[in-house]
């Protein structure tokens, strides 16, 4: 059975092009091909990992706080999952849509 998450908690994500045509920064797992949005429990973790993530030259990136329910709604609507990373950029939690055919956490 899938684990329930506190939908009111805040996580930090990387925003691509903040203020203009902003969007969540997404990645693809090279081993599985799964598209996901990296999220972090602390802003410092997002900042630490940002320098190690594959970004585009000339594009601005900024860590911002977002409520988990807003993040998952937008991610799942666009065929992304949410993976929580620690300060070492290691995946520590995977959040999938809450339906019977979704993978287990």
Protein backbone atom coordinates (compact mmCIF):
# COMPACT_ATOMS: atom_id res chain seq x y z
CA UNK A 1 0.00 0.00 0.00
CA UNK A 2 1.29 3.47 -0.87
CA UNK A 3 2.48 5.73 1.91
CA UNK A 4 0.40 8.87 2.54
CA UNK A 5 2.23 12.18 2.47
CA UNK A 6 1.46 15.41 4.32
CA UNK A 7 0.13 17.42 1.39
CA UNK A 8 0.52 20.70 3.36
CA UNK A 9 4.27 20.40 3.91
CA UNK A 10 6.66 22.61 2.02
CA UNK A 11 9.52 21.40 -0.15
CA UNK A 12 12.09 23.29 -2.18
CA UNK A 13 12.32 22.85 -5.92
CA UNK A 14 14.46 24.41 -8.62
CA UNK A 15 12.55 26.93 -10.71
CA UNK A 16 13.73 27.44 -14.27
CA UNK A 17 13.35 31.02 -15.62
CA UNK A 18 11.87 32.48 -12.41
CA UNK A 19 9.45 35.35 -12.92
CA UNK A 20 9.12 35.04 -16.70
CA UNK A 21 8.10 31.74 -18.23
CA UNK A 22 8.91 29.92 -15.02
CA UNK A 23 8.53 26.21 -14.64
CA UNK A 24 9.69 23.41 -12.38
CA UNK A 25 13.10 22.03 -13.33
CA UNK A 26 12.72 18.37 -14.29
CA UNK A 27 15.10 15.50 -14.89
CA UNK A 28 14.97 12.02 -16.39
CA UNK A 29 16.41 9.00 -14.61
CA UNK A 30 18.94 7.60 -17.11
CA UNK A 31 18.45 4.02 -15.91
CA UNK A 32 14.65 3.89 -15.99
CA UNK A 33 13.64 6.79 -18.25
CA UNK A 34 11.31 8.08 -15.51
CA UNK A 35 10.76 11.85 -15.63
CA UNK A 36 10.83 13.52 -12.23
CA UNK A 37 11.06 16.84 -10.46
CA UNK A 38 13.82 16.93 -7.86
CA UNK A 39 12.60 18.34 -4.54
CA UNK A 40 14.45 19.03 -1.32
CA UNK A 41 13.53 19.33 2.35
CA UNK A 42 15.95 22.24 2.87
CA UNK A 43 16.76 25.22 0.66
CA UNK A 44 20.46 24.65 1.31
CA UNK A 45 20.19 21.14 -0.16
CA UNK A 46 18.62 22.56 -3.32
CA UNK A 47 21.40 25.14 -3.60
CA UNK A 48 24.11 22.52 -2.99
CA UNK A 49 22.73 20.16 -5.62
CA UNK A 50 21.99 22.80 -8.24
CA UNK A 51 25.65 23.05 -9.21
CA UNK A 52 25.69 19.30 -9.93
CA UNK A 53 22.49 19.16 -12.01
CA UNK A 54 22.51 19.31 -15.82
CA UNK A 55 21.41 22.88 -16.56
CA UNK A 56 21.31 24.96 -19.73
CA UNK A 57 23.78 27.79 -20.18
CA UNK A 58 22.10 31.20 -20.11
CA UNK A 59 19.05 29.97 -18.21
CA UNK A 60 18.41 31.24 -14.68
CA UNK A 61 17.63 28.71 -11.92
CA UNK A 62 16.45 29.47 -8.41
CA UNK A 63 15.39 27.34 -5.43
CA UNK A 64 11.86 28.20 -4.26
CA UNK A 65 9.50 26.74 -1.68
CA UNK A 66 6.30 25.05 -2.86
CA UNK A 67 3.50 23.24 -1.06
CA UNK A 68 3.65 19.50 -1.73
CA UNK A 69 0.03 19.34 -2.94
CA UNK A 70 0.69 22.03 -5.59
CA UNK A 71 3.91 20.35 -6.66
CA UNK A 72 2.40 16.88 -7.03
CA UNK A 73 -0.69 18.22 -8.81
CA UNK A 74 1.40 19.97 -11.46
CA UNK A 75 4.00 17.20 -11.71
CA UNK A 76 1.51 14.36 -12.11
CA UNK A 77 -0.57 16.38 -14.61
CA UNK A 78 2.55 16.66 -16.77
CA UNK A 79 3.66 13.02 -16.42
CA UNK A 80 6.41 13.72 -13.88
CA UNK A 81 6.96 12.11 -10.50
CA UNK A 82 8.50 13.88 -7.50
CA UNK A 83 11.77 12.57 -6.10
CA UNK A 84 13.07 14.03 -2.84
CA UNK A 85 16.86 14.43 -2.80
CA UNK A 86 19.23 15.12 0.08
CA UNK A 87 22.16 17.54 0.17
CA UNK A 88 24.36 15.00 -1.63
CA UNK A 89 21.88 14.81 -4.56
CA UNK A 90 20.90 11.27 -3.57
CA UNK A 91 17.27 10.23 -4.01
CA UNK A 92 15.83 9.55 -0.55
CA UNK A 93 12.13 9.34 -1.39
CA UNK A 94 9.97 8.83 -4.47
CA UNK A 95 6.44 10.23 -4.65
CA UNK A 96 4.12 8.67 -7.20
CA UNK A 97 0.44 9.29 -8.00
CA UNK A 98 -1.89 7.65 -5.53
CA UNK A 99 -3.59 5.08 -7.74
CA UNK A 100 -3.44 1.26 -7.87
CA UNK A 101 -1.14 0.93 -10.88
CA UNK A 102 1.48 3.40 -9.64
CA UNK A 103 4.83 2.07 -8.40
CA UNK A 104 5.25 1.61 -4.65
CA UNK A 105 7.41 4.07 -2.69
